[in-house]
Full PDB file with SEQRES, HELIX, SHEET, SSBOND, CRYST1, ORIGX, SCALE, CONECT and MASTER records, all heavy atoms in Angstrom:
SEQRES   1 A   45  PRO PHE ALA ASP PRO GLU LEU LYS HIS LEU THR GLY LEU          
SEQRES   2 A   45  ASP ALA ALA VAL TYR GLU HIS VAL MET ALA THR ARG GLY          
SEQRES   3 A   45  ALA GLU PRO LEU ALA GLN LEU ALA ALA TYR LEU THR VAL          
SEQRES   4 A   45  GLY LEU HIS ASP ILE ALA                                      
HELIX    1 AA1 ALA A   15  ALA A   23  1                                   9    
HELIX    2 AA2 ALA A   27  ILE A   44  1                                  18    
CRYST1    1.000    1.000    1.000  90.00  90.00  90.00 P 1           1          
ORIGX1      1.000000  0.000000  0.000000        0.00000                         
ORIGX2      0.000000  1.000000  0.000000        0.00000                         
ORIGX3      0.000000  0.000000  1.000000        0.00000                         
SCALE1      1.000000  0.000000  0.000000        0.00000                         
SCALE2      0.000000  1.000000  0.000000        0.00000                         
SCALE3      0.000000  0.000000  1.000000        0.00000                         
ATOM      1  N   PRO A   1      81.224  92.751 113.006  1.00  0.00           N  
ATOM      2  CA  PRO A   1      79.824  92.450 112.692  1.00  0.00           C  
ATOM      3  C   PRO A   1      79.493  90.962 112.713  1.00  0.00           C  
ATOM      4  O   PRO A   1      78.328  90.587 112.784  1.00  0.00           O  
ATOM      5  CB  PRO A   1      79.640  93.036 111.282  1.00  0.00           C  
ATOM      6  CG  PRO A   1      80.645  94.126 111.211  1.00  0.00           C  
ATOM      7  CD  PRO A   1      81.836  93.595 111.976  1.00  0.00           C  
ATOM      8  N   PHE A   2      80.496  90.111 112.678  1.00  0.00           N  
ATOM      9  CA  PHE A   2      80.272  88.665 112.786  1.00  0.00           C  
ATOM     10  C   PHE A   2      79.507  88.334 114.064  1.00  0.00           C  
ATOM     11  O   PHE A   2      78.744  87.373 114.108  1.00  0.00           O  
ATOM     12  CB  PHE A   2      81.624  87.932 112.769  1.00  0.00           C  
ATOM     13  CG  PHE A   2      81.523  86.435 112.887  1.00  0.00           C  
ATOM     14  CD1 PHE A   2      81.370  85.659 111.759  1.00  0.00           C  
ATOM     15  CD2 PHE A   2      81.591  85.811 114.125  1.00  0.00           C  
ATOM     16  CE1 PHE A   2      81.286  84.278 111.862  1.00  0.00           C  
ATOM     17  CE2 PHE A   2      81.512  84.434 114.240  1.00  0.00           C  
ATOM     18  CZ  PHE A   2      81.353  83.662 113.098  1.00  0.00           C  
ATOM     19  N   ALA A   3      79.691  89.133 115.106  1.00  0.00           N  
ATOM     20  CA  ALA A   3      79.048  88.877 116.396  1.00  0.00           C  
ATOM     21  C   ALA A   3      77.560  89.216 116.392  1.00  0.00           C  
ATOM     22  O   ALA A   3      76.838  88.818 117.303  1.00  0.00           O  
ATOM     23  CB  ALA A   3      79.749  89.680 117.495  1.00  0.00           C  
ATOM     24  N   ASP A   4      77.083  89.927 115.394  1.00  0.00           N  
ATOM     25  CA  ASP A   4      75.682  90.318 115.303  1.00  0.00           C  
ATOM     26  C   ASP A   4      74.957  89.336 114.388  1.00  0.00           C  
ATOM     27  O   ASP A   4      75.249  89.280 113.185  1.00  0.00           O  
ATOM     28  CB  ASP A   4      75.584  91.740 114.741  1.00  0.00           C  
ATOM     29  CG  ASP A   4      74.171  92.277 114.701  1.00  0.00           C  
ATOM     30  OD1 ASP A   4      73.217  91.477 114.561  1.00  0.00           O  
ATOM     31  OD2 ASP A   4      74.018  93.504 114.801  1.00  0.00           O  
ATOM     32  N   PRO A   5      73.999  88.560 114.923  1.00  0.00           N  
ATOM     33  CA  PRO A   5      73.309  87.566 114.095  1.00  0.00           C  
ATOM     34  C   PRO A   5      72.642  88.148 112.845  1.00  0.00           C  
ATOM     35  O   PRO A   5      72.532  87.467 111.827  1.00  0.00           O  
ATOM     36  CB  PRO A   5      72.255  86.975 115.035  1.00  0.00           C  
ATOM     37  CG  PRO A   5      72.742  87.276 116.408  1.00  0.00           C  
ATOM     38  CD  PRO A   5      73.542  88.550 116.309  1.00  0.00           C  
ATOM     39  N   GLU A   6      72.227  89.400 112.899  1.00  0.00           N  
ATOM     40  CA  GLU A   6      71.577  90.014 111.737  1.00  0.00           C  
ATOM     41  C   GLU A   6      72.581  90.398 110.649  1.00  0.00           C  
ATOM     42  O   GLU A   6      72.209  90.545 109.490  1.00  0.00           O  
ATOM     43  CB  GLU A   6      70.776  91.242 112.165  1.00  0.00           C  
ATOM     44  CG  GLU A   6      69.569  90.898 113.009  1.00  0.00           C  
ATOM     45  CD  GLU A   6      68.746  92.115 113.385  1.00  0.00           C  
ATOM     46  OE1 GLU A   6      68.828  93.147 112.687  1.00  0.00           O  
ATOM     47  OE2 GLU A   6      68.022  92.029 114.379  1.00  0.00           O  
ATOM     48  N   LEU A   7      73.833  90.581 111.025  1.00  0.00           N  
ATOM     49  CA  LEU A   7      74.855  91.009 110.066  1.00  0.00           C  
ATOM     50  C   LEU A   7      75.822  89.894 109.673  1.00  0.00           C  
ATOM     51  O   LEU A   7      76.495  89.992 108.647  1.00  0.00           O  
ATOM     52  CB  LEU A   7      75.660  92.175 110.645  1.00  0.00           C  
ATOM     53  CG  LEU A   7      74.879  93.432 111.028  1.00  0.00           C  
ATOM     54  CD1 LEU A   7      75.812  94.464 111.645  1.00  0.00           C  
ATOM     55  CD2 LEU A   7      74.136  94.001 109.833  1.00  0.00           C  
ATOM     56  N   LYS A   8      75.898  88.880 110.495  1.00  0.00           N  
ATOM     57  CA  LYS A   8      76.899  87.818 110.349  1.00  0.00           C  
ATOM     58  C   LYS A   8      76.999  87.254 108.936  1.00  0.00           C  
ATOM     59  O   LYS A   8      78.089  87.079 108.402  1.00  0.00           O  
ATOM     60  CB  LYS A   8      76.564  86.702 111.339  1.00  0.00           C  
ATOM     61  CG  LYS A   8      77.497  85.528 111.327  1.00  0.00           C  
ATOM     62  CD  LYS A   8      77.068  84.534 112.391  1.00  0.00           C  
ATOM     63  CE  LYS A   8      78.033  83.401 112.508  1.00  0.00           C  
ATOM     64  NZ  LYS A   8      77.692  82.545 113.669  1.00  0.00           N  
ATOM     65  N   HIS A   9      75.883  86.955 108.302  1.00  0.00           N  
ATOM     66  CA  HIS A   9      75.891  86.300 106.993  1.00  0.00           C  
ATOM     67  C   HIS A   9      75.877  87.284 105.823  1.00  0.00           C  
ATOM     68  O   HIS A   9      75.861  86.869 104.669  1.00  0.00           O  
ATOM     69  CB  HIS A   9      74.729  85.305 106.889  1.00  0.00           C  
ATOM     70  CG  HIS A   9      74.874  84.169 107.854  1.00  0.00           C  
ATOM     71  ND1 HIS A   9      75.758  83.132 107.644  1.00  0.00           N  
ATOM     72  CD2 HIS A   9      74.301  83.938 109.059  1.00  0.00           C  
ATOM     73  CE1 HIS A   9      75.696  82.301 108.665  1.00  0.00           C  
ATOM     74  NE2 HIS A   9      74.826  82.759 109.535  1.00  0.00           N  
ATOM     75  N   LEU A  10      75.898  88.579 106.143  1.00  0.00           N  
ATOM     76  CA  LEU A  10      75.990  89.606 105.109  1.00  0.00           C  
ATOM     77  C   LEU A  10      77.454  89.985 104.936  1.00  0.00           C  
ATOM     78  O   LEU A  10      78.318  89.466 105.639  1.00  0.00           O  
ATOM     79  CB  LEU A  10      75.169  90.831 105.522  1.00  0.00           C  
ATOM     80  CG  LEU A  10      73.677  90.605 105.756  1.00  0.00           C  
ATOM     81  CD1 LEU A  10      73.027  91.881 106.269  1.00  0.00           C  
ATOM     82  CD2 LEU A  10      72.994  90.106 104.499  1.00  0.00           C  
ATOM     83  N   THR A  11      77.735  90.895 104.014  1.00  0.00           N  
ATOM     84  CA  THR A  11      79.104  91.367 103.806  1.00  0.00           C  
ATOM     85  C   THR A  11      79.107  92.892 103.746  1.00  0.00           C  
ATOM     86  O   THR A  11      78.048  93.523 103.702  1.00  0.00           O  
ATOM     87  CB  THR A  11      79.706  90.829 102.491  1.00  0.00           C  
ATOM     88  OG1 THR A  11      79.126  91.525 101.379  1.00  0.00           O  
ATOM     89  CG2 THR A  11      79.503  89.328 102.349  1.00  0.00           C  
ATOM     90  N   GLY A  12      80.295  93.453 103.674  1.00  0.00           N  
ATOM     91  CA  GLY A  12      80.439  94.894 103.538  1.00  0.00           C  
ATOM     92  C   GLY A  12      79.924  95.432 102.214  1.00  0.00           C  
ATOM     93  O   GLY A  12      79.862  96.635 102.009  1.00  0.00           O  
ATOM     94  N   LEU A  13      79.519  94.551 101.316  1.00  0.00           N  
ATOM     95  CA  LEU A  13      78.873  94.971 100.072  1.00  0.00           C  
ATOM     96  C   LEU A  13      77.381  95.212 100.287  1.00  0.00           C  
ATOM     97  O   LEU A  13      76.734  95.838  99.453  1.00  0.00           O  
ATOM     98  CB  LEU A  13      79.095  93.923  98.971  1.00  0.00           C  
ATOM     99  CG  LEU A  13      80.559  93.670  98.601  1.00  0.00           C  
ATOM    100  CD1 LEU A  13      80.655  92.526  97.593  1.00  0.00           C  
ATOM    101  CD2 LEU A  13      81.200  94.928  98.067  1.00  0.00           C  
ATOM    102  N   ASP A  14      76.849  94.687 101.393  1.00  0.00           N  
ATOM    103  CA  ASP A  14      75.439  94.902 101.745  1.00  0.00           C  
ATOM    104  C   ASP A  14      75.315  96.205 102.525  1.00  0.00           C  
ATOM    105  O   ASP A  14      76.157  96.513 103.376  1.00  0.00           O  
ATOM    106  CB  ASP A  14      74.920  93.739 102.602  1.00  0.00           C  
ATOM    107  CG  ASP A  14      74.901  92.431 101.831  1.00  0.00           C  
ATOM    108  OD1 ASP A  14      74.185  92.363 100.814  1.00  0.00           O  
ATOM    109  OD2 ASP A  14      75.617  91.493 102.246  1.00  0.00           O  
ATOM    110  N   ALA A  15      74.250  96.952 102.247  1.00  0.00           N  
ATOM    111  CA  ALA A  15      74.060  98.270 102.862  1.00  0.00           C  
ATOM    112  C   ALA A  15      74.088  98.206 104.387  1.00  0.00           C  
ATOM    113  O   ALA A  15      74.711  99.062 105.023  1.00  0.00           O  
ATOM    114  CB  ALA A  15      72.753  98.893 102.382  1.00  0.00           C  
ATOM    115  N   ALA A  16      73.457  97.207 104.990  1.00  0.00           N  
ATOM    116  CA  ALA A  16      73.385  97.142 106.460  1.00  0.00           C  
ATOM    117  C   ALA A  16      74.769  97.031 107.085  1.00  0.00           C  
ATOM    118  O   ALA A  16      75.069  97.704 108.081  1.00  0.00           O  
ATOM    119  CB  ALA A  16      72.504  95.976 106.900  1.00  0.00           C  
ATOM    120  N   VAL A  17      75.622  96.194 106.530  1.00  0.00           N  
ATOM    121  CA  VAL A  17      76.972  96.027 107.081  1.00  0.00           C  
ATOM    122  C   VAL A  17      77.822  97.257 106.769  1.00  0.00           C  
ATOM    123  O   VAL A  17      78.528  97.777 107.640  1.00  0.00           O  
ATOM    124  CB  VAL A  17      77.651  94.748 106.535  1.00  0.00           C  
ATOM    125  CG1 VAL A  17      79.118  94.676 106.959  1.00  0.00           C  
ATOM    126  CG2 VAL A  17      76.898  93.516 107.012  1.00  0.00           C  
ATOM    127  N   TYR A  18      77.745  97.734 105.537  1.00  0.00           N  
ATOM    128  CA  TYR A  18      78.526  98.917 105.160  1.00  0.00           C  
ATOM    129  C   TYR A  18      78.186 100.097 106.062  1.00  0.00           C  
ATOM    130  O   TYR A  18      79.081 100.758 106.597  1.00  0.00           O  
ATOM    131  CB  TYR A  18      78.264  99.262 103.693  1.00  0.00           C  
ATOM    132  CG  TYR A  18      79.021 100.479 103.215  1.00  0.00           C  
ATOM    133  CD1 TYR A  18      80.403 100.441 103.068  1.00  0.00           C  
ATOM    134  CD2 TYR A  18      78.352 101.656 102.901  1.00  0.00           C  
ATOM    135  CE1 TYR A  18      81.107 101.554 102.627  1.00  0.00           C  
ATOM    136  CE2 TYR A  18      79.048 102.769 102.458  1.00  0.00           C  
ATOM    137  CZ  TYR A  18      80.416 102.714 102.320  1.00  0.00           C  
ATOM    138  OH  TYR A  18      81.109 103.813 101.889  1.00  0.00           O  
ATOM    139  N   GLU A  19      76.923 100.352 106.260  1.00  0.00           N  
ATOM    140  CA  GLU A  19      76.501 101.463 107.122  1.00  0.00           C  
ATOM    141  C   GLU A  19      76.948 101.244 108.565  1.00  0.00           C  
ATOM    142  O   GLU A  19      77.374 102.181 109.235  1.00  0.00           O  
ATOM    143  CB  GLU A  19      74.987 101.652 107.034  1.00  0.00           C  
ATOM    144  CG  GLU A  19      74.554 102.186 105.675  1.00  0.00           C  
ATOM    145  CD  GLU A  19      73.060 102.063 105.410  1.00  0.00           C  
ATOM    146  OE1 GLU A  19      72.299 101.717 106.338  1.00  0.00           O  
ATOM    147  OE2 GLU A  19      72.665 102.309 104.251  1.00  0.00           O  
ATOM    148  N   HIS A  20      76.874 100.006 109.038  1.00  0.00           N  
ATOM    149  CA  HIS A  20      77.310  99.687 110.400  1.00  0.00           C  
ATOM    150  C   HIS A  20      78.813  99.941 110.561  1.00  0.00           C  
ATOM    151  O   HIS A  20      79.245 100.574 111.529  1.00  0.00           O  
ATOM    152  CB  HIS A  20      76.990  98.228 110.725  1.00  0.00           C  
ATOM    153  CG  HIS A  20      77.516  97.778 112.039  1.00  0.00           C  
ATOM    154  ND1 HIS A  20      76.867  98.011 113.225  1.00  0.00           N  
ATOM    155  CD2 HIS A  20      78.656  97.131 112.357  1.00  0.00           C  
ATOM    156  CE1 HIS A  20      77.586  97.525 114.219  1.00  0.00           C  
ATOM    157  NE2 HIS A  20      78.674  96.984 113.711  1.00  0.00           N  
ATOM    158  N   VAL A  21      79.586  99.454 109.600  1.00  0.00           N  
ATOM    159  CA  VAL A  21      81.039  99.643 109.668  1.00  0.00           C  
ATOM    160  C   VAL A  21      81.377 101.125 109.622  1.00  0.00           C  
ATOM    161  O   VAL A  21      82.163 101.630 110.421  1.00  0.00           O  
ATOM    162  CB  VAL A  21      81.757  98.868 108.529  1.00  0.00           C  
ATOM    163  CG1 VAL A  21      83.216  99.281 108.412  1.00  0.00           C  
ATOM    164  CG2 VAL A  21      81.643  97.368 108.757  1.00  0.00           C  
ATOM    165  N   MET A  22      80.772 101.845 108.691  1.00  0.00           N  
ATOM    166  CA  MET A  22      81.110 103.255 108.520  1.00  0.00           C  
ATOM    167  C   MET A  22      80.563 104.133 109.648  1.00  0.00           C  
ATOM    168  O   MET A  22      81.053 105.242 109.853  1.00  0.00           O  
ATOM    169  CB  MET A  22      80.644 103.755 107.152  1.00  0.00           C  
ATOM    170  CG  MET A  22      81.403 103.108 105.999  1.00  0.00           C  
ATOM    171  SD  MET A  22      83.217 103.024 106.220  1.00  0.00           S  
ATOM    172  CE  MET A  22      83.632 104.736 106.451  1.00  0.00           C  
ATOM    173  N   ALA A  23      79.579 103.652 110.391  1.00  0.00           N  
ATOM    174  CA  ALA A  23      79.073 104.400 111.546  1.00  0.00           C  
ATOM    175  C   ALA A  23      79.937 104.191 112.782  1.00  0.00           C  
ATOM    176  O   ALA A  23      79.783 104.889 113.783  1.00  0.00           O  
ATOM    177  CB  ALA A  23      77.628 103.983 111.847  1.00  0.00           C  
ATOM    178  N   THR A  24      80.877 103.252 112.700  1.00  0.00           N  
ATOM    179  CA  THR A  24      81.778 102.980 113.814  1.00  0.00           C  
ATOM    180  C   THR A  24      82.746 104.146 113.982  1.00  0.00           C  
ATOM    181  O   THR A  24      83.339 104.616 113.001  1.00  0.00           O  
ATOM    182  CB  THR A  24      82.564 101.681 113.560  1.00  0.00           C  
ATOM    183  OG1 THR A  24      81.638 100.616 113.358  1.00  0.00           O  
ATOM    184  CG2 THR A  24      83.478 101.355 114.728  1.00  0.00           C  
ATOM    185  N   ARG A  25      82.869 104.596 115.209  1.00  0.00           N  
ATOM    186  CA  ARG A  25      83.781 105.711 115.490  1.00  0.00           C  
ATOM    187  C   ARG A  25      85.183 105.412 114.969  1.00  0.00           C  
ATOM    188  O   ARG A  25      85.746 104.359 115.264  1.00  0.00           O  
ATOM    189  CB  ARG A  25      83.808 105.943 117.001  1.00  0.00           C  
ATOM    190  CG  ARG A  25      84.563 107.170 117.395  1.00  0.00           C  
ATOM    191  CD  ARG A  25      84.386 107.428 118.865  1.00  0.00           C  
ATOM    192  NE  ARG A  25      85.649 107.940 119.358  1.00  0.00           N  
ATOM    193  CZ  ARG A  25      86.044 107.836 120.594  1.00  0.00           C  
ATOM    194  NH1 ARG A  25      85.307 107.247 121.495  1.00  0.00           N  
ATOM    195  NH2 ARG A  25      87.203 108.330 120.952  1.00  0.00           N  
ATOM    196  N   GLY A  26      85.706 106.316 114.166  1.00  0.00           N  
ATOM    197  CA  GLY A  26      87.053 106.186 113.621  1.00  0.00           C  
ATOM    198  C   GLY A  26      87.113 105.604 112.226  1.00  0.00           C  
ATOM    199  O   GLY A  26      88.148 105.719 111.566  1.00  0.00           O  
ATOM    200  N   ALA A  27      86.039 104.989 111.738  1.00  0.00           N  
ATOM    201  CA  ALA A  27      86.080 104.354 110.423  1.00  0.00           C  
ATOM    202  C   ALA A  27      86.223 105.379 109.299  1.00  0.00           C  
ATOM    203  O   ALA A  27      87.069 105.222 108.416  1.00  0.00           O  
ATOM    204  CB  ALA A  27      84.848 103.485 110.203  1.00  0.00           C  
ATOM    205  N   GLU A  28      85.407 106.412 109.314  1.00  0.00           N  
ATOM    206  CA  GLU A  28      85.474 107.426 108.252  1.00  0.00           C  
ATOM    207  C   GLU A  28      86.823 108.146 108.254  1.00  0.00           C  
ATOM    208  O   GLU A  28      87.434 108.284 107.183  1.00  0.00           O  
ATOM    209  CB  GLU A  28      84.320 108.417 108.361  1.00  0.00           C  
ATOM    210  CG  GLU A  28      84.322 109.491 107.289  1.00  0.00           C  
ATOM    211  CD  GLU A  28      84.109 108.986 105.865  1.00  0.00           C  
ATOM    212  OE1 GLU A  28      83.507 107.915 105.683  1.00  0.00           O  
ATOM    213  OE2 GLU A  28      84.558 109.666 104.925  1.00  0.00           O  
ATOM    214  N   PRO A  29      87.328 108.586 109.417  1.00  0.00           N  
ATOM    215  CA  PRO A  29      88.656 109.215 109.391  1.00  0.00           C  
ATOM    216  C   PRO A  29      89.747 108.281 108.866  1.00  0.00           C  
ATOM    217  O   PRO A  29      90.647 108.728 108.150  1.00  0.00           O  
ATOM    218  CB  PRO A  29      88.909 109.608 110.849  1.00  0.00           C  
ATOM    219  CG  PRO A  29      87.552 109.751 111.441  1.00  0.00           C  
ATOM    220  CD  PRO A  29      86.708 108.716 110.743  1.00  0.00           C  
ATOM    221  N   LEU A  30      89.678 106.994 109.196  1.00  0.00           N  
ATOM    222  CA  LEU A  30      90.671 106.050 108.685  1.00  0.00           C  
ATOM    223  C   LEU A  30      90.573 105.947 107.169  1.00  0.00           C  
ATOM    224  O   LEU A  30      91.590 105.970 106.476  1.00  0.00           O  
ATOM    225  CB  LEU A  30      90.500 104.666 109.327  1.00  0.00           C  
ATOM    226  CG  LEU A  30      91.430 103.575 108.790  1.00  0.00           C  
ATOM    227  CD1 LEU A  30      92.897 103.956 108.951  1.00  0.00           C  
ATOM    228  CD2 LEU A  30      91.135 102.248 109.462  1.00  0.00           C  
ATOM    229  N   ALA A  31      89.361 105.845 106.642  1.00  0.00           N  
ATOM    230  CA  ALA A  31      89.188 105.762 105.187  1.00  0.00           C  
ATOM    231  C   ALA A  31      89.733 107.010 104.503  1.00  0.00           C  
ATOM    232  O   ALA A  31      90.406 106.925 103.469  1.00  0.00           O  
ATOM    233  CB  ALA A  31      87.716 105.547 104.838  1.00  0.00           C  
ATOM    234  N   GLN A  32      89.457 108.168 105.080  1.00  0.00           N  
ATOM    235  CA  GLN A  32      89.939 109.416 104.487  1.00  0.00           C  
ATOM    236  C   GLN A  32      91.462 109.494 104.528  1.00  0.00           C  
ATOM    237  O   GLN A  32      92.099 109.869 103.540  1.00  0.00           O  
ATOM    238  CB  GLN A  32      89.321 110.611 105.205  1.00  0.00           C  
ATOM    239  CG  GLN A  32      87.850 110.771 104.933  1.00  0.00           C  
ATOM    240  CD  GLN A  32      87.243 111.938 105.689  1.00  0.00           C  
ATOM    241  OE1 GLN A  32      87.944 112.799 106.214  1.00  0.00           O  
ATOM    242  NE2 GLN A  32      85.920 111.967 105.755  1.00  0.00           N  
ATOM    243  N   LEU A  33      92.040 109.144 105.669  1.00  0.00           N  
ATOM    244  CA  LEU A  33      93.491 109.173 105.805  1.00  0.00           C  
ATOM    245  C   LEU A  33      94.148 108.172 104.857  1.00  0.00           C  
ATOM    246  O   LEU A  33      95.143 108.489 104.196  1.00  0.00           O  
ATOM    247  CB  LEU A  33      93.890 108.881 107.249  1.00  0.00           C  
ATOM    248  CG  LEU A  33      95.384 108.902 107.550  1.00  0.00           C  
ATOM    249  CD1 LEU A  33      95.944 110.305 107.344  1.00  0.00           C  
ATOM    250  CD2 LEU A  33      95.632 108.447 108.977  1.00  0.00           C  
ATOM    251  N   ALA A  34      93.580 106.982 104.775  1.00  0.00           N  
ATOM    252  CA  ALA A  34      94.128 105.966 103.876  1.00  0.00           C  
ATOM    253  C   ALA A  34      94.041 106.409 102.420  1.00  0.00           C  
ATOM    254  O   ALA A  34      94.974 106.199 101.642  1.00  0.00           O  
ATOM    255  CB  ALA A  34      93.401 104.641 104.080  1.00  0.00           C  
ATOM    256  N   ALA A  35      92.933 107.043 102.054  1.00  0.00           N  
ATOM    257  CA  ALA A  35      92.785 107.539 100.683  1.00  0.00           C  
ATOM    258  C   ALA A  35      93.834 108.606 100.395  1.00  0.00           C  
ATOM    259  O   ALA A  35      94.470 108.600  99.334  1.00  0.00           O  
ATOM    260  CB  ALA A  35      91.373 108.086 100.471  1.00  0.00           C  
ATOM    261  N   TYR A  36      94.021 109.514 101.326  1.00  0.00           N  
ATOM    262  CA  TYR A  36      95.024 110.576 101.168  1.00  0.00           C  
ATOM    263  C   TYR A  36      96.418 109.976 101.014  1.00  0.00           C  
ATOM    264  O   TYR A  36      97.186 110.352 100.123  1.00  0.00           O  
ATOM    265  CB  TYR A  36      94.958 111.511 102.376  1.00  0.00           C  
ATOM    266  CG  TYR A  36      95.918 112.668 102.321  1.00  0.00           C  
ATOM    267  CD1 TYR A  36      95.643 113.790 101.547  1.00  0.00           C  
ATOM    268  CD2 TYR A  36      97.101 112.640 103.062  1.00  0.00           C  
ATOM    269  CE1 TYR A  36      96.530 114.862 101.493  1.00  0.00           C  
ATOM    270  CE2 TYR A  36      97.989 113.705 103.015  1.00  0.00           C  
ATOM    271  CZ  TYR A  36      97.701 114.813 102.232  1.00  0.00           C  
ATOM    272  OH  TYR A  36      98.575 115.865 102.187  1.00  0.00           O  
ATOM    273  N   LEU A  37      96.756 109.017 101.872  1.00  0.00           N  
ATOM    274  CA  LEU A  37      98.055 108.352 101.797  1.00  0.00           C  
ATOM    275  C   LEU A  37      98.213 107.605 100.474  1.00  0.00           C  
ATOM    276  O   LEU A  37      99.260 107.672  99.830  1.00  0.00           O  
ATOM    277  CB  LEU A  37      98.225 107.375 102.966  1.00  0.00           C  
ATOM    278  CG  LEU A  37      99.469 106.498 102.918  1.00  0.00           C  
ATOM    279  CD1 LEU A  37     100.726 107.332 103.043  1.00  0.00           C  
ATOM    280  CD2 LEU A  37      99.415 105.449 104.021  1.00  0.00           C  
ATOM    281  N   THR A  38      97.173 106.926 100.060  1.00  0.00           N  
ATOM    282  CA  THR A  38      97.219 106.156  98.821  1.00  0.00           C  
ATOM    283  C   THR A  38      97.482 107.052  97.618  1.00  0.00           C  
ATOM    284  O   THR A  38      98.331 106.746  96.769  1.00  0.00           O  
ATOM    285  CB  THR A  38      95.896 105.389  98.630  1.00  0.00           C  
ATOM    286  OG1 THR A  38      95.713 104.533  99.759  1.00  0.00           O  
ATOM    287  CG2 THR A  38      95.908 104.578  97.360  1.00  0.00           C  
ATOM    288  N   VAL A  39      96.771 108.163  97.543  1.00  0.00           N  
ATOM    289  CA  VAL A  39      96.973 109.103  96.442  1.00  0.00           C  
ATOM    290  C   VAL A  39      98.401 109.667  96.496  1.00  0.00           C  
ATOM    291  O   VAL A  39      99.074 109.783  95.474  1.00  0.00           O  
ATOM    292  CB  VAL A  39      95.916 110.225  96.479  1.00  0.00           C  
ATOM    293  CG1 VAL A  39      96.274 111.362  95.539  1.00  0.00           C  
ATOM    294  CG2 VAL A  39      94.540 109.647  96.140  1.00  0.00           C  
ATOM    295  N   GLY A  40      98.875 109.975  97.699  1.00  0.00           N  
ATOM    296  CA  GLY A  40     100.242 110.468  97.853  1.00  0.00           C  
ATOM    297  C   GLY A  40     101.274 109.449  97.420  1.00  0.00           C  
ATOM    298  O   GLY A  40     102.243 109.782  96.726  1.00  0.00           O  
ATOM    299  N   LEU A  41     101.081 108.197  97.814  1.00  0.00           N  
ATOM    300  CA  LEU A  41     102.006 107.135  97.400  1.00  0.00           C  
ATOM    301  C   LEU A  41     101.997 106.974  95.883  1.00  0.00           C  
ATOM    302  O   LEU A  41     103.037 106.777  95.262  1.00  0.00           O  
ATOM    303  CB  LEU A  41     101.637 105.805  98.065  1.00  0.00           C  
ATOM    304  CG  LEU A  41     101.928 105.687  99.550  1.00  0.00           C  
ATOM    305  CD1 LEU A  41     101.321 104.404 100.106  1.00  0.00           C  
ATOM    306  CD2 LEU A  41     103.416 105.738  99.819  1.00  0.00           C  
ATOM    307  N   HIS A  42     100.830 107.067  95.297  1.00  0.00           N  
ATOM    308  CA  HIS A  42     100.713 106.949  93.846  1.00  0.00           C  
ATOM    309  C   HIS A  42     101.461 108.084  93.160  1.00  0.00           C  
ATOM    310  O   HIS A  42     102.149 107.873  92.155  1.00  0.00           O  
ATOM    311  CB  HIS A  42      99.237 106.927  93.438  1.00  0.00           C  
ATOM    312  CG  HIS A  42      99.023 106.620  92.005  1.00  0.00           C  
ATOM    313  ND1 HIS A  42      98.661 107.568  91.086  1.00  0.00           N  
ATOM    314  CD2 HIS A  42      99.136 105.448  91.317  1.00  0.00           C  
ATOM    315  CE1 HIS A  42      98.548 107.009  89.902  1.00  0.00           C  
ATOM    316  NE2 HIS A  42      98.825 105.720  90.005  1.00  0.00           N  
ATOM    317  N   ASP A  43     101.337 109.283  93.692  1.00  0.00           N  
ATOM    318  CA  ASP A  43     102.052 110.432  93.121  1.00  0.00           C  
ATOM    319  C   ASP A  43     103.566 110.254  93.255  1.00  0.00           C  
ATOM    320  O   ASP A  43     104.311 110.528  92.315  1.00  0.00           O  
ATOM    321  CB  ASP A  43     101.605 111.730  93.793  1.00  0.00           C  
ATOM    322  CG  ASP A  43     100.197 112.134  93.398  1.00  0.00           C  
ATOM    323  OD1 ASP A  43      99.632 111.545  92.449  1.00  0.00           O  
ATOM    324  OD2 ASP A  43      99.635 113.036  94.052  1.00  0.00           O  
ATOM    325  N   ILE A  44     104.013 109.792  94.412  1.00  0.00           N  
ATOM    326  CA  ILE A  44     105.446 109.568  94.640  1.00  0.00           C  
ATOM    327  C   ILE A  44     105.968 108.478  93.707  1.00  0.00           C  
ATOM    328  O   ILE A  44     107.080 108.571  93.193  1.00  0.00           O  
ATOM    329  CB  ILE A  44     105.713 109.179  96.117  1.00  0.00           C  
ATOM    330  CG1 ILE A  44     105.454 110.373  97.026  1.00  0.00           C  
ATOM    331  CG2 ILE A  44     107.130 108.651  96.290  1.00  0.00           C  
ATOM    332  CD1 ILE A  44     105.420 110.018  98.503  1.00  0.00           C  
ATOM    333  N   ALA A  45     105.150 107.465  93.462  1.00  0.00           N  
ATOM    334  CA  ALA A  45     105.552 106.339  92.608  1.00  0.00           C  
ATOM    335  C   ALA A  45     105.541 106.710  91.124  1.00  0.00           C  
ATOM    336  O   ALA A  45     105.838 105.868  90.277  1.00  0.00           O  
ATOM    337  CB  ALA A  45     104.630 105.147  92.855  1.00  0.00           C  
TER     338      ALA A  45                                                      
MASTER        0    0    0    2    0    0    0    6  337    1    0    4          
END                                                                             
């Protein structure tokens, strides 16, 4: 998003950037997989 002048000075805490990042193909599956792995690691630990 740094390449987009409208998003460059915002962060992932701002709705526009968050929505842009999460609308990117593969972002939601990565978040879900990472969450699943994280919970599993926590259980193993």
